[in-house]
Protein backbone atom coordinates (compact mmCIF):
# COMPACT_ATOMS: atom_id res chain seq x y z
CA UNK A 1 -16.37 -35.68 2.90
CA UNK A 2 -16.30 -31.93 3.51
CA UNK A 3 -13.95 -30.34 6.02
CA UNK A 4 -13.69 -26.78 7.28
CA UNK A 5 -10.35 -25.02 6.84
CA UNK A 6 -9.43 -21.76 8.53
CA UNK A 7 -7.56 -19.11 6.59
CA UNK A 8 -7.60 -15.35 6.11
CA UNK A 9 -8.25 -12.94 3.26
CA UNK A 10 -5.29 -11.40 1.43
CA UNK A 11 -6.99 -8.73 -0.64
CA UNK A 12 -6.36 -5.80 1.70
CA UNK A 13 -4.55 -5.02 4.95
CA UNK A 14 -7.57 -6.01 7.07
CA UNK A 15 -6.72 -9.73 6.68
CA UNK A 16 -10.18 -10.84 7.81
CA UNK A 17 -10.49 -14.41 9.03
CA UNK A 18 -12.29 -16.91 6.77
CA UNK A 19 -13.60 -20.45 6.98
CA UNK A 20 -13.59 -22.50 3.78
CA UNK A 21 -15.45 -25.72 3.01
CA UNK A 22 -13.20 -28.13 1.12
CA UNK A 23 -14.14 -31.48 -0.41
CA UNK A 24 -11.33 -33.77 0.74
CA UNK A 25 -11.64 -36.06 -2.28
CA UNK A 26 -11.86 -33.53 -5.11
CA UNK A 27 -10.28 -30.54 -3.29
CA UNK A 28 -13.11 -28.42 -4.63
CA UNK A 29 -13.87 -25.30 -2.63
CA UNK A 30 -17.37 -24.85 -1.29
CA UNK A 31 -18.76 -22.06 0.84
CA UNK A 32 -16.42 -19.30 2.02
CA UNK A 33 -17.66 -17.57 5.16
CA UNK A 34 -16.39 -15.06 7.75
CA UNK A 35 -14.63 -16.77 10.65
CA UNK A 36 -16.75 -15.91 13.67
CA UNK A 37 -14.07 -17.27 16.01
CA UNK A 38 -11.31 -15.04 14.66
CA UNK A 39 -10.39 -12.80 17.64
CA UNK A 40 -9.51 -9.81 15.44
CA UNK A 41 -12.05 -9.70 12.59
CA UNK A 42 -14.76 -11.23 14.83
CA UNK A 43 -16.93 -12.64 12.07
CA UNK A 44 -16.55 -9.74 9.66
CA UNK A 45 -15.46 -9.99 6.04
CA UNK A 46 -16.46 -7.91 3.02
CA UNK A 47 -17.78 -9.36 -0.24
CA UNK A 48 -14.32 -9.35 -1.83
CA UNK A 49 -12.93 -11.98 0.51
CA UNK A 50 -16.11 -14.03 0.32
CA UNK A 51 -15.63 -14.25 -3.45
CA UNK A 52 -12.28 -16.04 -3.15
CA UNK A 53 -13.89 -19.44 -3.69
CA UNK A 54 -15.35 -18.37 -7.02
CA UNK A 55 -11.95 -17.07 -8.11
CA UNK A 56 -10.27 -20.30 -7.04
CA UNK A 57 -12.52 -22.40 -9.30
CA UNK A 58 -12.91 -19.86 -12.10
CA UNK A 59 -12.61 -21.56 -15.50
CA UNK A 60 -11.00 -18.42 -16.95
CA UNK A 61 -8.01 -18.37 -14.61
CA UNK A 62 -4.60 -19.55 -15.77
CA UNK A 63 -3.73 -23.08 -14.68
CA UNK A 64 -0.83 -24.01 -16.97
CA UNK A 65 2.26 -22.30 -18.43
CA UNK A 66 1.59 -20.85 -21.86
CA UNK A 67 3.97 -19.76 -24.63
CA UNK A 68 3.24 -17.30 -27.40
CA UNK A 69 3.35 -18.94 -30.81
CA UNK A 70 2.51 -16.39 -33.47
CA UNK A 71 -0.68 -14.63 -32.42
CA UNK A 72 -1.86 -17.38 -30.04
CA UNK A 73 -0.66 -19.17 -26.92
CA UNK A 74 0.10 -22.86 -26.56
CA UNK A 75 0.26 -24.88 -23.37
CA UNK A 76 3.75 -26.01 -22.35
CA UNK A 77 5.26 -27.77 -19.34
CA UNK A 78 6.81 -25.99 -16.38
CA UNK A 79 10.13 -27.61 -17.29
CA UNK A 80 10.07 -26.15 -20.80
CA UNK A 81 9.00 -22.72 -19.55
CA UNK A 82 11.73 -22.51 -16.91
CA UNK A 83 14.45 -23.77 -19.23
CA UNK A 84 13.56 -21.45 -22.12
CA UNK A 85 13.07 -18.37 -19.96
CA UNK A 86 16.23 -19.10 -17.99
CA UNK A 87 18.30 -19.54 -21.14
CA UNK A 88 17.07 -16.23 -22.55
CA UNK A 89 17.82 -14.35 -19.32
CA UNK A 90 21.33 -15.84 -19.19
CA UNK A 91 21.94 -14.83 -22.79
CA UNK A 92 20.84 -11.22 -22.18
CA UNK A 93 22.85 -10.90 -18.97
CA UNK A 94 26.00 -12.21 -20.65
CA UNK A 95 25.68 -9.75 -23.53
CA UNK A 96 24.26 -6.65 -21.82
CA UNK A 97 24.87 -7.07 -18.09
CA UNK A 98 22.61 -7.50 -15.04
CA UNK A 99 20.61 -4.30 -15.59
CA UNK A 100 19.12 -5.84 -18.72
CA UNK A 101 16.58 -7.68 -16.51
CA UNK A 102 13.74 -5.97 -14.64
CA UNK A 103 10.86 -7.01 -12.39
CA UNK A 104 7.54 -5.31 -11.73
CA UNK A 105 5.54 -6.42 -8.68
CA UNK A 106 1.86 -5.59 -8.34
CA UNK A 107 -0.24 -5.03 -5.24
CA UNK A 108 -0.95 -8.73 -4.45
CA UNK A 109 2.80 -9.26 -3.99
CA UNK A 110 2.64 -7.58 -0.59
CA UNK A 111 -0.10 -9.94 0.57
CA UNK A 112 2.02 -13.03 -0.09
CA UNK A 113 4.99 -13.69 2.17
CA UNK A 114 6.52 -16.06 -0.37
CA UNK A 115 6.18 -13.54 -3.19
CA UNK A 116 7.86 -10.80 -1.15
CA UNK A 117 10.80 -13.05 -0.34
CA UNK A 118 11.16 -14.54 -3.80
CA UNK A 119 10.71 -11.28 -5.72
CA UNK A 120 13.43 -9.57 -3.72
CA UNK A 121 15.62 -12.67 -3.86
CA UNK A 122 15.13 -13.04 -7.61
CA UNK A 123 16.21 -9.51 -8.51
CA UNK A 124 19.02 -9.58 -5.93
CA UNK A 125 20.39 -12.86 -7.30
CA UNK A 126 20.52 -11.31 -10.77
CA UNK A 127 22.42 -8.29 -9.35
CA UNK A 128 19.94 -5.97 -11.02
CA UNK A 129 18.57 -2.84 -9.33
CA UNK A 130 15.55 -2.83 -11.65
CA UNK A 131 12.72 -3.57 -9.23
CA UNK A 132 9.52 -1.59 -9.87
CA UNK A 133 6.38 -1.70 -7.74
CA UNK A 134 2.75 -0.67 -7.84
CA UNK A 135 3.02 1.19 -4.53
CA UNK A 136 4.87 3.96 -6.37
CA UNK A 137 1.51 5.00 -7.86
CA UNK A 138 -0.46 5.54 -4.65
CA UNK A 139 1.80 5.22 -1.59
CA UNK A 140 5.31 6.43 -2.42
CA UNK A 141 4.69 9.68 -0.56
CA UNK A 142 4.08 7.82 2.70
CA UNK A 143 7.00 5.45 2.20
CA UNK A 144 9.38 8.29 1.41
CA UNK A 145 8.28 10.52 4.30
CA UNK A 146 8.50 7.63 6.77
CA UNK A 147 11.98 6.80 5.53
CA UNK A 148 13.14 10.38 6.11
CA UNK A 149 11.29 10.87 9.42
CA UNK A 150 11.64 7.44 11.04
CA UNK A 151 14.51 5.84 9.15
CA UNK A 152 12.42 3.06 7.62
CA UNK A 153 9.71 3.11 4.97
CA UNK A 154 7.59 0.62 6.92
CA UNK A 155 7.13 2.71 10.09
CA UNK A 156 3.62 4.18 10.04
CA UNK A 157 1.90 4.98 13.34
CA UNK A 158 -1.67 3.64 13.20
CA UNK A 159 -4.75 5.22 14.82
CA UNK A 160 -5.98 3.53 18.00
CA UNK A 161 -9.61 3.62 16.90
CA UNK A 162 -10.77 1.52 19.84
CA UNK A 163 -9.89 4.28 22.33
CA UNK A 164 -9.59 7.48 20.29
CA UNK A 165 -11.71 10.58 21.03
CA UNK A 166 -11.16 12.62 17.84
CA UNK A 167 -10.45 11.13 14.42
CA UNK A 168 -10.05 13.16 11.23
CA UNK A 169 -10.00 11.05 8.07
CA UNK A 170 -8.78 12.66 4.84
CA UNK A 171 -8.98 11.23 1.33
CA UNK A 172 -10.14 7.80 2.50
CA UNK A 173 -13.40 5.89 2.09
CA UNK A 174 -13.24 3.01 4.60
CA UNK A 175 -16.79 1.79 3.91
CA UNK A 176 -15.68 0.83 0.39
CA UNK A 177 -12.00 0.00 0.83
CA UNK A 178 -11.32 -0.41 4.57
CA UNK A 179 -8.17 1.58 5.46
CA UNK A 180 -4.80 1.70 3.73
CA UNK A 181 -1.56 1.04 5.65
CA UNK A 182 -3.62 0.07 8.71
CA UNK A 183 -4.45 -3.53 9.64
CA UNK A 184 -8.02 -3.01 10.80
CA UNK A 185 -11.04 -5.21 9.93
CA UNK A 186 -14.55 -3.72 9.83
CA UNK A 187 -13.44 -0.09 9.71
CA UNK A 188 -17.01 1.27 9.61
CA UNK A 189 -17.97 -0.43 12.86
CA UNK A 190 -14.78 0.85 14.50
CA UNK A 191 -15.54 4.41 13.36
CA UNK A 192 -19.13 4.18 14.56
CA UNK A 193 -17.89 2.95 17.94
CA UNK A 194 -15.95 6.20 18.35
CA UNK A 195 -19.20 8.15 18.17
CA UNK A 196 -20.94 5.63 20.43
CA UNK A 197 -18.32 6.40 23.09
CA UNK A 198 -18.97 10.13 22.74
CA UNK A 199 -16.02 10.78 20.44
CA UNK A 200 -15.96 12.62 17.15
CA UNK A 201 -15.29 11.51 13.57
CA UNK A 202 -14.62 14.05 10.80
CA UNK A 203 -14.51 12.96 7.15
CA UNK A 204 -12.63 15.48 4.98
CA UNK A 205 -13.30 14.83 1.31
CA UNK A 206 -14.38 16.74 -1.81
CA UNK A 207 -17.48 14.56 -2.02
CA UNK A 208 -19.85 13.09 0.54
CA UNK A 209 -18.50 9.57 0.36
CA UNK A 210 -20.21 6.35 1.39
CA UNK A 211 -18.32 6.65 4.67
CA UNK A 212 -19.47 10.23 5.27
CA UNK A 213 -23.05 9.10 4.66
CA UNK A 214 -22.83 6.51 7.45
CA UNK A 215 -20.63 7.99 10.15
CA UNK A 216 -19.26 11.30 11.41
CA UNK A 217 -19.54 14.77 9.97
CA UNK A 218 -18.51 15.67 6.45
CA UNK A 219 -16.24 18.64 5.74
CA UNK A 220 -16.12 19.35 2.02
CA UNK A 221 -12.74 20.46 0.71
CA UNK A 222 -11.52 21.53 -2.70
CA UNK A 223 -9.53 18.75 -4.40
CA UNK A 224 -5.75 18.76 -3.91
CA UNK A 225 -5.81 21.32 -1.06
CA UNK A 226 -5.49 19.07 2.01
CA UNK A 227 -1.94 20.27 2.71
CA UNK A 228 -3.23 23.85 2.98
CA UNK A 229 -5.82 22.79 5.56
CA UNK A 230 -3.17 20.98 7.59
CA UNK A 231 -0.85 23.99 7.41
CA UNK A 232 -3.59 26.26 8.75
CA UNK A 233 -4.34 23.80 11.56
CA UNK A 234 -0.65 23.86 12.48
CA UNK A 235 -0.79 27.67 12.47
CA UNK A 236 -3.73 27.73 14.88
CA UNK A 237 -2.25 25.14 17.24
CA UNK A 238 1.30 26.48 17.36
CA UNK A 239 1.05 30.21 16.58
CA UNK A 240 -2.38 31.35 17.71
CA UNK A 241 -2.89 29.14 20.76
CA UNK A 242 0.66 28.01 21.51
CA UNK A 243 1.81 24.54 22.50
CA UNK A 244 4.64 23.06 24.56
CA UNK A 245 7.11 21.68 22.03
CA UNK A 246 9.41 20.18 24.66
CA UNK A 247 8.14 16.59 24.42
CA UNK A 248 8.39 16.64 20.62
CA UNK A 249 11.91 18.10 20.69
CA UNK A 250 12.98 15.33 23.03
CA UNK A 251 12.40 12.74 20.31
CA UNK A 252 12.72 14.64 17.02
CA UNK A 253 14.95 17.12 15.22
CA UNK A 254 13.68 20.14 13.30
CA UNK A 255 10.57 20.77 15.40
CA UNK A 256 11.11 24.55 15.56
CA UNK A 257 11.59 24.72 11.79
CA UNK A 258 8.46 22.63 11.25
CA UNK A 259 6.35 24.98 13.38
CA UNK A 260 7.90 28.18 11.98
CA UNK A 261 6.92 27.15 8.46
CA UNK A 262 3.23 27.66 9.29
CA UNK A 263 3.58 31.21 10.64
CA UNK A 264 2.03 32.89 7.60
CA UNK A 265 -0.61 30.25 6.82
CA UNK A 266 -3.60 31.65 8.67
CA UNK A 267 -7.07 30.14 8.29
CA UNK A 268 -8.14 33.33 6.49
CA UNK A 269 -5.40 32.84 3.90
CA UNK A 270 -6.23 29.17 3.42
CA UNK A 271 -10.04 29.40 3.42
CA UNK A 272 -10.42 30.60 -0.22
CA UNK A 273 -8.09 27.84 -1.39
CA UNK A 274 -9.69 24.95 0.49
CA UNK A 275 -13.29 26.15 0.37
CA UNK A 276 -13.50 25.68 4.16
CA UNK A 277 -14.50 28.67 6.26
CA UNK A 278 -11.79 30.01 8.57
CA UNK A 279 -13.99 29.50 11.62
CA UNK A 280 -14.39 25.80 10.78
CA UNK A 281 -10.63 25.40 10.34
CA UNK A 282 -10.01 26.93 13.77
CA UNK A 283 -12.68 24.77 15.39
CA UNK A 284 -11.23 21.58 13.84
CA UNK A 285 -7.69 22.48 14.91
CA UNK A 286 -8.72 23.16 18.51
CA UNK A 287 -10.97 20.12 18.78
CA UNK A 288 -8.12 17.95 17.54
CA UNK A 289 -5.51 19.57 19.79
CA UNK A 290 -7.69 19.48 22.94
CA UNK A 291 -9.07 15.94 22.59
CA UNK A 292 -7.87 13.34 25.09
CA UNK A 293 -6.51 11.14 22.33
CA UNK A 294 -6.71 12.14 18.66
CA UNK A 295 -5.35 11.28 15.24
CA UNK A 296 -5.10 12.75 11.78
CA UNK A 297 -5.21 10.09 9.07
CA UNK A 298 -4.90 10.40 5.29
CA UNK A 299 -4.99 7.93 2.44
CA UNK A 300 -5.13 7.47 -1.33
CA UNK A 301 -7.13 10.56 -2.22
CA UNK A 302 -4.43 12.75 -0.68
CA UNK A 303 -1.50 10.48 -1.52
CA UNK A 304 -2.07 10.79 -5.25
CA UNK A 305 -2.45 14.57 -5.24
CA UNK A 306 0.34 17.03 -6.05
CA UNK A 307 1.14 17.64 -2.35
CA UNK A 308 0.89 14.10 -1.01
CA UNK A 309 4.35 14.06 0.57
CA UNK A 310 3.91 17.48 2.20
CA UNK A 311 0.50 16.46 3.53
CA UNK A 312 1.82 13.24 5.08
CA UNK A 313 4.74 15.11 6.61
CA UNK A 314 2.27 17.58 8.14
CA UNK A 315 0.06 14.75 9.41
CA UNK A 316 3.02 13.08 11.12
CA UNK A 317 4.34 16.36 12.50
CA UNK A 318 0.97 17.47 13.87
CA UNK A 319 0.36 14.08 15.48
CA UNK A 320 3.81 14.37 17.07
CA UNK A 321 3.67 17.90 18.50
CA UNK A 322 0.18 17.31 19.95
CA UNK A 323 1.53 14.31 21.87
CA UNK A 324 -0.59 11.76 20.04
CA UNK A 325 2.10 9.43 18.68
CA UNK A 326 2.82 6.27 20.65
CA UNK A 327 -0.02 6.71 23.13
CA UNK A 328 -3.27 4.96 23.94
CA UNK A 329 -6.13 6.73 22.21
CA UNK A 330 -3.79 8.41 19.74
CA UNK A 331 -1.55 6.60 17.29
CA UNK A 332 0.19 3.33 18.08
CA UNK A 333 3.59 2.21 16.82
CA UNK A 334 3.08 -1.56 16.54
CA UNK A 335 6.07 -3.86 16.74
CA UNK A 336 4.35 -6.93 15.36
CA UNK A 337 5.08 -10.55 16.33
CA UNK A 338 8.62 -10.35 14.91
CA UNK A 339 11.14 -7.73 13.77
CA UNK A 340 9.66 -6.61 10.45
CA UNK A 341 12.18 -3.79 10.12
CA UNK A 342 15.08 -6.22 10.26
CA UNK A 343 13.42 -8.37 7.59
CA UNK A 344 12.89 -5.33 5.37
CA UNK A 345 16.54 -4.41 5.79
CA UNK A 346 17.64 -7.89 4.75
CA UNK A 347 15.45 -7.66 1.65
CA UNK A 348 16.66 -4.17 0.76
CA UNK A 349 13.14 -2.75 1.07
CA UNK A 350 13.57 -0.55 4.11
CA UNK A 351 14.76 2.81 2.85
CA UNK A 352 16.57 4.83 0.23
CA UNK A 353 19.72 3.62 -1.51
CA UNK A 354 22.25 4.66 -4.11
CA UNK A 355 20.57 3.09 -7.14
CA UNK A 356 19.35 5.46 -9.86
CA UNK A 357 17.45 4.96 -13.09
CA UNK A 358 19.34 5.30 -16.37
CA UNK A 359 16.90 7.98 -17.48
CA UNK A 360 15.57 10.71 -15.20
CA UNK A 361 17.95 9.91 -12.31
CA UNK A 362 15.07 8.61 -10.15
CA UNK A 363 16.05 6.99 -6.85
CA UNK A 364 14.38 4.03 -5.22
CA UNK A 365 11.77 4.28 -2.45
CA UNK A 366 11.33 1.18 -0.29
CA UNK A 367 13.77 -0.60 -2.57
CA UNK A 368 11.76 0.05 -5.75
CA UNK A 369 11.88 2.47 -8.66
CA UNK A 370 8.68 4.35 -9.60
CA UNK A 371 6.62 2.54 -12.21
CA UNK A 372 6.32 5.75 -14.25
CA UNK A 373 10.06 5.42 -15.01
CA UNK A 374 9.73 1.92 -16.49
CA UNK A 375 8.93 2.84 -20.14
CA UNK A 376 12.04 5.02 -20.40
CA UNK A 377 14.19 2.31 -18.79
CA UNK A 378 13.15 -0.03 -21.62
CA UNK A 379 12.94 2.37 -24.54
CA UNK A 380 16.33 4.09 -24.75
CA UNK A 381 19.69 3.61 -26.49
CA UNK A 382 21.76 2.70 -23.44
CA UNK A 383 23.32 -0.79 -23.78
CA UNK A 384 22.26 -1.51 -20.18
CA UNK A 385 18.57 -0.80 -20.78
CA UNK A 386 15.95 -3.35 -19.71
CA UNK A 387 15.52 -6.09 -22.32
CA UNK A 388 13.78 -8.76 -20.24
CA UNK A 389 10.85 -7.85 -18.00
CA UNK A 390 9.01 -10.04 -15.51
CA UNK A 391 5.58 -8.83 -14.34
CA UNK A 392 4.39 -10.52 -11.15
CA UNK A 393 0.82 -10.13 -9.89
CA UNK A 394 0.28 -6.89 -11.72
CA UNK A 395 -1.19 -5.11 -14.71
CA UNK A 396 0.86 -1.92 -15.19
CA UNK A 397 -0.52 -1.23 -18.68
CA UNK A 398 -3.89 -0.68 -17.02
CA UNK A 399 -2.86 0.79 -13.66
CA UNK A 400 0.15 3.05 -14.26
CA UNK A 401 0.07 6.60 -15.60
CA UNK A 402 0.30 6.61 -19.40
CA UNK A 403 0.07 2.88 -19.92
CA UNK A 404 0.27 3.48 -23.67
CA UNK A 405 3.93 4.48 -23.26
CA UNK A 406 4.63 1.11 -21.66
CA UNK A 407 2.91 -0.71 -24.53
CA UNK A 408 5.15 1.13 -27.00
CA UNK A 409 8.21 0.26 -24.91
CA UNK A 410 7.29 -3.44 -24.96
CA UNK A 411 8.34 -3.49 -28.63
CA UNK A 412 11.95 -3.04 -27.47
CA UNK A 413 11.88 -6.07 -25.17
CA UNK A 414 13.45 -9.40 -26.03
CA UNK A 415 11.46 -11.17 -23.31
CA UNK A 416 8.25 -10.40 -21.40
CA UNK A 417 6.99 -12.86 -18.79
CA UNK A 418 3.68 -12.47 -16.96
CA UNK A 419 3.06 -14.32 -13.68
CA UNK A 420 -0.58 -14.02 -12.67
CA UNK A 421 -3.86 -15.77 -11.96
CA UNK A 422 -5.61 -14.23 -14.97
CA UNK A 423 -4.74 -12.83 -18.36
CA UNK A 424 -4.89 -9.04 -18.47
CA UNK A 425 -4.00 -6.00 -20.58
CA UNK A 426 -0.29 -6.40 -19.79
CA UNK A 427 -0.02 -10.15 -20.29
CA UNK A 428 -1.57 -9.72 -23.74
CA UNK A 429 1.93 -8.69 -24.87
CA UNK A 430 3.82 -11.43 -22.97
CA UNK A 431 5.98 -14.14 -24.49
CA UNK A 432 5.18 -16.48 -21.60
CA UNK A 433 2.21 -16.69 -19.22
CA UNK A 434 2.94 -18.42 -15.91
CA UNK A 435 0.04 -19.23 -13.55
CA UNK A 436 0.23 -18.10 -9.93
CA UNK A 437 -1.40 -19.52 -6.82
CA UNK A 438 -4.43 -17.85 -5.31
CA UNK A 439 -4.78 -17.20 -1.60
CA UNK A 440 -6.53 -20.52 -0.94
CA UNK A 441 -3.64 -22.52 -2.40
CA UNK A 442 -0.63 -21.44 -0.37
CA UNK A 443 0.68 -21.19 3.16
CA UNK A 444 1.14 -17.60 4.19
CA UNK A 445 1.96 -15.05 6.86
CA UNK A 446 1.17 -11.30 6.61
CA UNK A 447 4.74 -10.20 7.26
CA UNK A 448 4.59 -6.91 5.37
CA UNK A 449 1.67 -5.71 7.51
CA UNK A 450 2.84 -6.90 10.93
CA UNK A 451 3.79 -3.33 11.89
CA UNK A 452 0.39 -1.95 10.89
CA UNK A 453 -1.71 -3.88 13.40
CA UNK A 454 -4.06 -1.95 15.65
CA UNK A 455 -4.49 -5.21 17.61
CA UNK A 456 -1.18 -7.06 17.78
CA UNK A 457 -1.55 -10.70 16.78
CA UNK A 458 0.01 -13.53 14.78
CA UNK A 459 -2.02 -14.95 11.90
CA UNK A 460 -0.92 -17.54 9.38
CA UNK A 461 -2.06 -20.40 7.21
CA UNK A 462 -0.17 -23.68 7.69
CA UNK A 463 1.54 -25.51 4.78
C-alpha cells in the first residue's frame, strides 16, 4: 500500500513543500512532487528537491560504517566504529589536549536541526574551539558585518518582495539558485510580480544571467567593483540630494561617519572603475531613494569578492538611512516562530568570541574558524595542533581555496572521519566512513533559517 507523506526540501533556504509516495511495506520512495497545499511554496519546487527520491534510493550512497584497511574499505558495525573512534579521540585528548580534535561542517549541516545541535554539542563537549564551517567561503562577510552592526550574526533583514517597489539585486542569480540568506520559494515568480505591480527590478551583474534574461533590467558592472557603485549611490543620496538622517540616528551609531565616508566618491570618479555611466548611477540612486519601498540585496557573487564586507556594510547602511529597514515594502526583520537568537547564543554561534587559531591569529565568525585556516591548524609543530578531524556533510578538499594544501595536511592526522551520504574527494583520505541520513529519513525543523522568512511560518517534519 502506498501512502503520501508531507515533508519539505532541505537543499536551500527556500524549504519548498514536498509530497512523497512511500510504500508502507518496503519503505521504498516513489514519486516526489511539489506540495500544492503548502501555503508558502504553493506548489513550487525546483528540480533539485524533486530529485531527493533518487538520492534516497541511490545504490552508490553510503549505508554502512566503513573502515580503511590498507588501500580499501571494509564494512564494520556501528558499535565497532564508535568504540574505535572514541578510543582514539580519548587517547589524543589525554596526550595533546582538547585542541587536538577538530570538526568541519559543510553546507547541509545548516539544513538539519539535529546536525546543528549535535555538531555544536560535540565540539563543546570536547572543550575544543576547533569548529570550521563552509560558510566561511561564501558568507563570512555577511555574518561578520551583521555581528558588528546588529550584535548577532544571524540578523539579516530580508526584502519584502511581495510589496516592494524597487529591488536591486547584485551578484545573485535567483533563477538558478533561488536567494541566499532569504527564505523565499519561487524567487523568479516573486521578482516578476514586482514588475506586474508596476515596480522595478534591476539585476547588477558582470554577465547577463539567467535571471536578467527573464526579469528586470540588466546593468553590467565590472567584476569586484560593486562596493564602488554602492559608495557612489550613497554620495548621490546623501551629498548631492541630501537626506534626513534623524530616523537612522535614532536607532544606530556612526551614521554621520558612514555618510561622510562617501563625500569624495562621485559617480564620475566611480564610472571608469565600474564600467557604469555616471548618469546611470545617479538614476539608480534616485530611483532607489524615491521609491515607496525599496531594497538593495547582494549575494555570493559580491560576497566572495575582495570587498564583500564593505559592500554588505554599504547595503545595510543605505537600506537604513533611506528608511527601508523594518518596513512593509522594504526589508523585514523576521522574528520566526521562536527565539532563534537565543538558540544561537546557547550554541555559541551568535557572534565573535575570544578563540583564535594557533597559526594566523584568525578569530571565529558565527562560532566557526575560516576553513582556509584548517591546513595550517593541522600541519604545524605546535603540540596542540589538530590530530583528529571529523568532516560532517562536507567536501572541503573540493570546495575550499587551495584544497591541495588540505590534502597535504591530512598526512599529519592520526584520525580522519567522514560523515556523509556519499563518498567524495575528502572522504577518499578518511580512516572511517560513517553514513548520514538524507532529508527523507529524519524529523526536522528549519531552525537556522527561521529569522530569514519573508512569510513567517512554522514548518517541520514529525518523527
